[in-house]
Every structure is written in structure tokens, then in C-alpha cells.
Amino acid sequence: MVDEAQLSKAVAALTAGKPVVFPTDTVYGIGIAVGLACSPEAIFIDKRRDPDKAIPWLVGSPAALTRYGRDVSQLAHDMVSQFWPGPLTLVVKAGDNVPEAFRGANDTIALRMPNDSVALELIERVGFPLATSSANFQGKKPPQTLADVDPEFAAQVPVVLGDDVPRSGVSSTIVDCTHEHPHILRVGALVADDFKELL
């Protein structure tokens, strides 16, 4: 279990619009609270990552699919029903309440509900989705455990939250649902056969 004092510090940092390192069900991530930070720039800076790549959001419930997406297909809802919470990221058209700075190419947003109590607790306490990327410098391996987080990387953020439980180490599968026929953009924990009854 994570320490309650550290959890409270993480919530305070996120509420102040600052980035925090925390565990998800797949890897350790670095995230900011979407409604409380002006942009995902801090993540790009800390990761030394190209700013032309959109940052996906971690959300707290399936209802976020329609709260932040628009024209969401029934198939996307079916995938959420089957695989959320879990390692499935869906790319949908961004709704009007998605800030411009957080939108991806062609006004899209990538959403995922993680199957991790720590990540979900942060989202609930902060009250906003967390724009999140893996907690590593660009080109380096994403950390599977708290000990795997590069000390140089950790030194950049105000709070590093974690526990003794290793995460899966396998990234989420990304499915583009912005067209009539969804297609897999990245194979991760879920593979094509997992979707054969849906796609």
C-alpha cells in the first residue's frame, strides 16, 4: 500500500497543477491533472519528449468516454464495457470540454480507465482526469516498479508515489475509434484476438 501522507502530497501537487509520478496497472507514469494544469508541457519537458505527441488521459469511470468524447460509437462503448478498467486506450473525437492544449491530432483524445487502485484514488481525489505518460526519459524503458524509476527523472517532480507491487510492464493497447471501422494503433497487453468478437 502507498503511504497516506505521500498520497496526500501527490493530491496537493496535482491540485496545484504540478506533475507527479505514480503507478498504474501497466507501468509507472508521470501525470498532471487536466483541469488544473494549463497544458501538458511539464510532461514533455520532464520526459525530454517531442511535443508533437499527444498525451493520453487516465479517467476514473466509463462515463468519461462520453463526457470527454463526442460522436462515440456503440462499438467503442462495447469495448469499454468489456475491457475497462484495464489496458485499453481508446482514441475518440474530442468533446467541447477537452482543452485545446490537451487535444491530439485532428481534435482527438485518448482515454483509458486503469485497473489500479492508486491511480484511481488519485483521479477521484483530484476530481479530474490525469494526462499521463510513462515515467521515463524518451527512448528509455518504462519503469515497472518504484525502484525502476530513474533517480534523475524522479528528482524533477515534487512527489513520487509508489508501493512494493510490480506492475505488468506491458503498455496498453491503443485502438482508434474515430472512424467507422476501429483499428489497432498499438498492440500492447491486448491483441487482435481479444477483439475478434467486436472488431
C-alpha atoms as a PDB file:
ATOM      1  CA  MET A   1       0.000   0.000   0.000  1.00  0.00           C
ATOM      2  CA  VAL A   2       1.060   3.569  -0.601  1.00  0.00           C
ATOM      3  CA  ASP A   3       1.691   5.851   2.332  1.00  0.00           C
ATOM      4  CA  GLU A   4      -1.313   8.094   3.089  1.00  0.00           C
ATOM      5  CA  ALA A   5       0.918  11.100   3.737  1.00  0.00           C
ATOM      6  CA  GLN A   6       2.603  10.677   0.342  1.00  0.00           C
ATOM      7  CA  LEU A   7      -0.787  10.184  -1.306  1.00  0.00           C
ATOM      8  CA  SER A   8      -1.991  13.462   0.195  1.00  0.00           C
ATOM      9  CA  LYS A   9       1.174  15.206  -1.012  1.00  0.00           C
ATOM     10  CA  ALA A  10       0.575  13.814  -4.515  1.00  0.00           C
ATOM     11  CA  VAL A  11      -3.004  15.116  -4.497  1.00  0.00           C
ATOM     12  CA  ALA A  12      -1.804  18.541  -3.333  1.00  0.00           C
ATOM     13  CA  ALA A  13       0.814  18.699  -6.093  1.00  0.00           C
ATOM     14  CA  LEU A  14      -1.664  17.667  -8.782  1.00  0.00           C
ATOM     15  CA  THR A  15      -4.208  20.176  -7.470  1.00  0.00           C
ATOM     16  CA  ALA A  16      -1.519  22.859  -7.830  1.00  0.00           C
ATOM     17  CA  GLY A  17      -1.064  21.882 -11.479  1.00  0.00           C
ATOM     18  CA  LYS A  18       2.267  20.123 -10.915  1.00  0.00           C
ATOM     19  CA  PRO A  19       3.347  16.707 -12.275  1.00  0.00           C
ATOM     20  CA  VAL A  20       3.520  13.597 -10.103  1.00  0.00           C
ATOM     21  CA  VAL A  21       4.978  10.123 -10.646  1.00  0.00           C
ATOM     22  CA  PHE A  22       2.597   7.328  -9.676  1.00  0.00           C
ATOM     23  CA  PRO A  23       1.831   3.681 -10.511  1.00  0.00           C
ATOM     24  CA  THR A  24      -0.761   2.470 -12.984  1.00  0.00           C
ATOM     25  CA  ASP A  25      -1.713  -1.101 -13.811  1.00  0.00           C
ATOM     26  CA  THR A  26       0.773  -1.197 -16.693  1.00  0.00           C
ATOM     27  CA  VAL A  27       3.819   0.932 -15.774  1.00  0.00           C
ATOM     28  CA  TYR A  28       4.732   3.868 -13.571  1.00  0.00           C
ATOM     29  CA  GLY A  29       3.576   7.115 -15.120  1.00  0.00           C
ATOM     30  CA  ILE A  30       4.056  10.857 -14.853  1.00  0.00           C
ATOM     31  CA  GLY A  31       0.817  12.789 -14.886  1.00  0.00           C
ATOM     32  CA  ILE A  32      -0.850  16.140 -14.381  1.00  0.00           C
ATOM     33  CA  ALA A  33      -4.481  16.981 -13.605  1.00  0.00           C
ATOM     34  CA  VAL A  34      -6.155  18.086 -16.817  1.00  0.00           C
ATOM     35  CA  GLY A  35      -8.468  20.703 -15.305  1.00  0.00           C
ATOM     36  CA  LEU A  36      -5.786  22.178 -13.061  1.00  0.00           C
ATOM     37  CA  ALA A  37      -2.753  22.447 -15.351  1.00  0.00           C
ATOM     38  CA  CYS A  38      -2.718  24.779 -18.342  1.00  0.00           C
ATOM     39  CA  SER A  39      -1.063  22.266 -20.671  1.00  0.00           C
ATOM     40  CA  PRO A  40       0.907  19.000 -20.708  1.00  0.00           C
ATOM     41  CA  GLU A  41       4.146  20.925 -21.274  1.00  0.00           C
ATOM     42  CA  ALA A  42       5.656  19.807 -17.956  1.00  0.00           C
ATOM     43  CA  ILE A  43       5.428  16.171 -19.060  1.00  0.00           C
ATOM     44  CA  PHE A  44       7.210  16.893 -22.338  1.00  0.00           C
ATOM     45  CA  ILE A  45       9.958  18.762 -20.504  1.00  0.00           C
ATOM     46  CA  ASP A  46      10.486  16.094 -17.838  1.00  0.00           C
ATOM     47  CA  LYS A  47      10.477  13.244 -20.364  1.00  0.00           C
ATOM     48  CA  ARG A  48      12.601  15.189 -22.880  1.00  0.00           C
ATOM     49  CA  ARG A  49       9.916  14.156 -25.315  1.00  0.00           C
ATOM     50  CA  ASP A  50       8.860  15.614 -28.657  1.00  0.00           C
ATOM     51  CA  PRO A  51       5.903  17.948 -28.029  1.00  0.00           C
ATOM     52  CA  ASP A  52       4.051  16.851 -31.158  1.00  0.00           C
ATOM     53  CA  LYS A  53       2.877  13.624 -29.496  1.00  0.00           C
ATOM     54  CA  ALA A  54      -0.419  13.839 -27.635  1.00  0.00           C
ATOM     55  CA  ILE A  55      -0.640  12.732 -24.002  1.00  0.00           C
ATOM     56  CA  PRO A  56      -3.415  10.211 -23.219  1.00  0.00           C
ATOM     57  CA  TRP A  57      -5.718  10.648 -20.243  1.00  0.00           C
ATOM     58  CA  LEU A  58      -6.392   8.271 -17.384  1.00  0.00           C
ATOM     59  CA  VAL A  59     -10.033   8.531 -16.312  1.00  0.00           C
ATOM     60  CA  GLY A  60     -11.985   7.290 -13.313  1.00  0.00           C
ATOM     61  CA  SER A  61     -15.061   5.728 -14.897  1.00  0.00           C
ATOM     62  CA  PRO A  62     -16.574   4.527 -18.194  1.00  0.00           C
ATOM     63  CA  ALA A  63     -18.801   7.622 -18.147  1.00  0.00           C
ATOM     64  CA  ALA A  64     -15.719   9.661 -19.108  1.00  0.00           C
ATOM     65  CA  LEU A  65     -15.940   8.215 -22.612  1.00  0.00           C
ATOM     66  CA  THR A  66     -18.950  10.368 -23.429  1.00  0.00           C
ATOM     67  CA  ARG A  67     -18.030  13.178 -21.032  1.00  0.00           C
ATOM     68  CA  TYR A  68     -14.845  13.932 -22.956  1.00  0.00           C
ATOM     69  CA  GLY A  69     -15.519  12.269 -26.299  1.00  0.00           C
ATOM     70  CA  ARG A  70     -18.106  13.109 -28.950  1.00  0.00           C
ATOM     71  CA  ASP A  71     -19.859  11.014 -31.576  1.00  0.00           C
ATOM     72  CA  VAL A  72     -18.665   7.934 -29.693  1.00  0.00           C
ATOM     73  CA  SER A  73     -19.684   4.735 -31.497  1.00  0.00           C
ATOM     74  CA  GLN A  74     -21.577   1.863 -29.921  1.00  0.00           C
ATOM     75  CA  LEU A  75     -18.557  -0.327 -30.661  1.00  0.00           C
ATOM     76  CA  ALA A  76     -16.372   1.924 -28.531  1.00  0.00           C
ATOM     77  CA  HIS A  77     -18.898   1.620 -25.706  1.00  0.00           C
ATOM     78  CA  ASP A  78     -18.860  -2.162 -26.133  1.00  0.00           C
ATOM     79  CA  MET A  79     -15.064  -2.249 -25.860  1.00  0.00           C
ATOM     80  CA  VAL A  80     -15.191  -0.127 -22.721  1.00  0.00           C
ATOM     81  CA  SER A  81     -17.786  -2.452 -21.202  1.00  0.00           C
ATOM     82  CA  GLN A  82     -15.518  -5.417 -21.835  1.00  0.00           C
ATOM     83  CA  PHE A  83     -12.053  -4.037 -21.121  1.00  0.00           C
ATOM     84  CA  TRP A  84     -12.355  -1.099 -18.685  1.00  0.00           C
ATOM     85  CA  PRO A  85     -10.830  -0.850 -16.212  1.00  0.00           C
ATOM     86  CA  GLY A  86      -7.810  -2.327 -17.932  1.00  0.00           C
ATOM     87  CA  PRO A  87      -5.037  -1.917 -20.507  1.00  0.00           C
ATOM     88  CA  LEU A  88      -7.157  -0.480 -23.333  1.00  0.00           C
ATOM     89  CA  THR A  89      -6.751   3.086 -24.605  1.00  0.00           C
ATOM     90  CA  LEU A  90      -9.420   4.394 -26.962  1.00  0.00           C
ATOM     91  CA  VAL A  91      -8.842   7.322 -29.313  1.00  0.00           C
ATOM     92  CA  VAL A  92     -12.080   9.232 -29.894  1.00  0.00           C
ATOM     93  CA  LYS A  93     -13.087  12.636 -31.197  1.00  0.00           C
ATOM     94  CA  ALA A  94     -12.562  15.253 -28.501  1.00  0.00           C
ATOM     95  CA  GLY A  95     -15.617  16.819 -26.925  1.00  0.00           C
ATOM     96  CA  ASP A  96     -16.059  20.543 -26.388  1.00  0.00           C
ATOM     97  CA  ASN A  97     -14.834  20.321 -22.786  1.00  0.00           C
ATOM     98  CA  VAL A  98     -11.397  18.964 -23.778  1.00  0.00           C
ATOM     99  CA  PRO A  99      -8.917  21.871 -23.522  1.00  0.00           C
ATOM    100  CA  GLU A 100      -7.190  22.740 -26.781  1.00  0.00           C
ATOM    101  CA  ALA A 101      -3.729  22.200 -25.280  1.00  0.00           C
ATOM    102  CA  PHE A 102      -4.576  18.576 -24.478  1.00  0.00           C
ATOM    103  CA  ARG A 103      -6.063  17.573 -27.840  1.00  0.00           C
ATOM    104  CA  GLY A 104      -4.303  15.239 -30.211  1.00  0.00           C
ATOM    105  CA  ALA A 105      -4.097  15.402 -33.986  1.00  0.00           C
ATOM    106  CA  ASN A 106      -7.409  16.063 -35.743  1.00  0.00           C
ATOM    107  CA  ASP A 107      -9.106  17.082 -32.474  1.00  0.00           C
ATOM    108  CA  THR A 108      -8.885  13.694 -30.797  1.00  0.00           C
ATOM    109  CA  ILE A 109      -8.372  12.487 -27.251  1.00  0.00           C
ATOM    110  CA  ALA A 110      -7.045   9.148 -25.982  1.00  0.00           C
ATOM    111  CA  LEU A 111      -8.805   7.794 -22.880  1.00  0.00           C
ATOM    112  CA  ARG A 112      -8.175   4.855 -20.553  1.00  0.00           C
ATOM    113  CA  MET A 113      -9.523   3.708 -17.209  1.00  0.00           C
ATOM    114  CA  PRO A 114      -6.656   1.988 -15.376  1.00  0.00           C
ATOM    115  CA  ASN A 115      -7.179  -1.113 -13.256  1.00  0.00           C
ATOM    116  CA  ASP A 116      -5.076   0.219 -10.401  1.00  0.00           C
ATOM    117  CA  SER A 117      -6.324   1.375  -7.017  1.00  0.00           C
ATOM    118  CA  VAL A 118      -3.605   4.015  -6.567  1.00  0.00           C
ATOM    119  CA  ALA A 119      -4.204   5.672  -9.932  1.00  0.00           C
ATOM    120  CA  LEU A 120      -7.974   5.595  -9.468  1.00  0.00           C
ATOM    121  CA  GLU A 121      -7.678   7.048  -5.968  1.00  0.00           C
ATOM    122  CA  LEU A 122      -5.640   9.962  -7.320  1.00  0.00           C
ATOM    123  CA  ILE A 123      -8.182  10.631 -10.055  1.00  0.00           C
ATOM    124  CA  GLU A 124     -11.051  10.529  -7.564  1.00  0.00           C
ATOM    125  CA  ARG A 125      -9.398  12.809  -5.027  1.00  0.00           C
ATOM    126  CA  VAL A 126      -8.212  15.343  -7.590  1.00  0.00           C
ATOM    127  CA  GLY A 127     -11.549  15.322  -9.409  1.00  0.00           C
ATOM    128  CA  PHE A 128     -10.067  15.443 -12.904  1.00  0.00           C
ATOM    129  CA  PRO A 129      -8.538  13.031 -15.428  1.00  0.00           C
ATOM    130  CA  LEU A 130      -4.769  12.706 -15.353  1.00  0.00           C
ATOM    131  CA  ALA A 131      -2.882  13.327 -18.591  1.00  0.00           C
ATOM    132  CA  THR A 132      -0.253  10.616 -18.236  1.00  0.00           C
ATOM    133  CA  SER A 133       2.802   9.215 -19.982  1.00  0.00           C
ATOM    134  CA  SER A 134       5.302   6.620 -18.798  1.00  0.00           C
ATOM    135  CA  ALA A 135       7.728   7.923 -16.163  1.00  0.00           C
ATOM    136  CA  ASN A 136      10.941   7.673 -18.148  1.00  0.00           C
ATOM    137  CA  PHE A 137      13.100   9.766 -20.409  1.00  0.00           C
ATOM    138  CA  GLN A 138      12.188   9.394 -24.078  1.00  0.00           C
ATOM    139  CA  GLY A 139      13.774   6.263 -25.526  1.00  0.00           C
ATOM    140  CA  LYS A 140      14.294   4.600 -22.146  1.00  0.00           C
ATOM    141  CA  LYS A 141      12.368   1.627 -20.756  1.00  0.00           C
ATOM    142  CA  PRO A 142       9.187   2.473 -18.834  1.00  0.00           C
ATOM    143  CA  PRO A 143       9.511   1.594 -15.130  1.00  0.00           C
ATOM    144  CA  GLN A 144       7.646  -1.455 -13.900  1.00  0.00           C
ATOM    145  CA  THR A 145       8.427  -0.894 -10.205  1.00  0.00           C
ATOM    146  CA  LEU A 146       9.098   2.098  -7.987  1.00  0.00           C
ATOM    147  CA  ALA A 147      12.766   1.104  -7.849  1.00  0.00           C
ATOM    148  CA  ASP A 148      12.911   1.217 -11.662  1.00  0.00           C
ATOM    149  CA  VAL A 149      12.143   4.941 -11.747  1.00  0.00           C
ATOM    150  CA  ASP A 150      15.342   6.741 -12.759  1.00  0.00           C
ATOM    151  CA  PRO A 151      16.511   8.886  -9.795  1.00  0.00           C
ATOM    152  CA  GLU A 152      17.361  11.706 -12.206  1.00  0.00           C
ATOM    153  CA  PHE A 153      13.835  11.543 -13.590  1.00  0.00           C
ATOM    154  CA  ALA A 154      12.288  11.389 -10.108  1.00  0.00           C
ATOM    155  CA  ALA A 155      14.257  14.439  -8.985  1.00  0.00           C
ATOM    156  CA  GLN A 156      12.328  16.594 -11.463  1.00  0.00           C
ATOM    157  CA  VAL A 157       8.902  16.122  -9.861  1.00  0.00           C
ATOM    158  CA  PRO A 158       7.641  17.215  -6.434  1.00  0.00           C
ATOM    159  CA  VAL A 159       6.171  13.828  -5.469  1.00  0.00           C
ATOM    160  CA  VAL A 160       6.972  10.226  -6.427  1.00  0.00           C
ATOM    161  CA  LEU A 161       4.255   7.872  -5.253  1.00  0.00           C
ATOM    162  CA  GLY A 162       4.544   4.078  -5.189  1.00  0.00           C
ATOM    163  CA  ASP A 163       4.341   0.769  -3.396  1.00  0.00           C
ATOM    164  CA  ASP A 164       6.033  -2.630  -3.383  1.00  0.00           C
ATOM    165  CA  VAL A 165       3.838  -4.210  -6.059  1.00  0.00           C
ATOM    166  CA  PRO A 166       5.378  -4.631  -9.543  1.00  0.00           C
ATOM    167  CA  ARG A 167       3.113  -3.519 -12.373  1.00  0.00           C
ATOM    168  CA  SER A 168       2.635  -5.586 -15.541  1.00  0.00           C
ATOM    169  CA  GLY A 169       5.288  -3.725 -17.534  1.00  0.00           C
ATOM    170  CA  VAL A 170       3.184  -4.136 -20.677  1.00  0.00           C
ATOM    171  CA  SER A 171       1.761  -0.971 -22.227  1.00  0.00           C
ATOM    172  CA  SER A 172      -1.915  -0.601 -23.032  1.00  0.00           C
ATOM    173  CA  THR A 173      -3.286  -1.426 -26.446  1.00  0.00           C
ATOM    174  CA  ILE A 174      -4.436   1.654 -28.367  1.00  0.00           C
ATOM    175  CA  VAL A 175      -7.492   1.469 -30.632  1.00  0.00           C
ATOM    176  CA  ASP A 176      -8.558   4.304 -32.933  1.00  0.00           C
ATOM    177  CA  CYS A 177     -12.341   4.680 -32.741  1.00  0.00           C
ATOM    178  CA  THR A 178     -12.658   7.890 -34.749  1.00  0.00           C
ATOM    179  CA  HIS A 179     -13.712   6.122 -37.964  1.00  0.00           C
ATOM    180  CA  GLU A 180     -16.488   3.736 -38.877  1.00  0.00           C
ATOM    181  CA  HIS A 181     -14.201   0.741 -38.512  1.00  0.00           C
ATOM    182  CA  PRO A 182     -11.901   0.895 -35.438  1.00  0.00           C
ATOM    183  CA  HIS A 183      -8.321  -0.232 -35.894  1.00  0.00           C
ATOM    184  CA  ILE A 184      -5.461  -1.028 -33.547  1.00  0.00           C
ATOM    185  CA  LEU A 185      -2.749   1.642 -33.475  1.00  0.00           C
ATOM    186  CA  ARG A 186      -0.516  -0.129 -30.945  1.00  0.00           C
ATOM    187  CA  VAL A 187      -0.601  -3.706 -29.736  1.00  0.00           C
ATOM    188  CA  GLY A 188       0.058  -3.953 -26.013  1.00  0.00           C
ATOM    189  CA  ALA A 189      -1.482  -6.079 -23.297  1.00  0.00           C
ATOM    190  CA  LEU A 190      -4.453  -6.801 -25.560  1.00  0.00           C
ATOM    191  CA  VAL A 191      -4.006  -8.363 -29.009  1.00  0.00           C
ATOM    192  CA  ALA A 192      -6.233  -8.636 -32.066  1.00  0.00           C
ATOM    193  CA  ASP A 193      -7.743 -11.946 -30.927  1.00  0.00           C
ATOM    194  CA  ASP A 194      -9.069 -10.226 -27.790  1.00  0.00           C
ATOM    195  CA  PHE A 195     -11.265  -8.086 -30.032  1.00  0.00           C
ATOM    196  CA  LYS A 196     -12.361 -10.724 -32.544  1.00  0.00           C
ATOM    197  CA  GLU A 197     -15.945 -10.678 -31.286  1.00  0.00           C
ATOM    198  CA  LEU A 198     -16.070  -6.886 -31.524  1.00  0.00           C
ATOM    199  CA  LEU A 199     -13.980  -5.715 -34.488  1.00  0.00           C
END
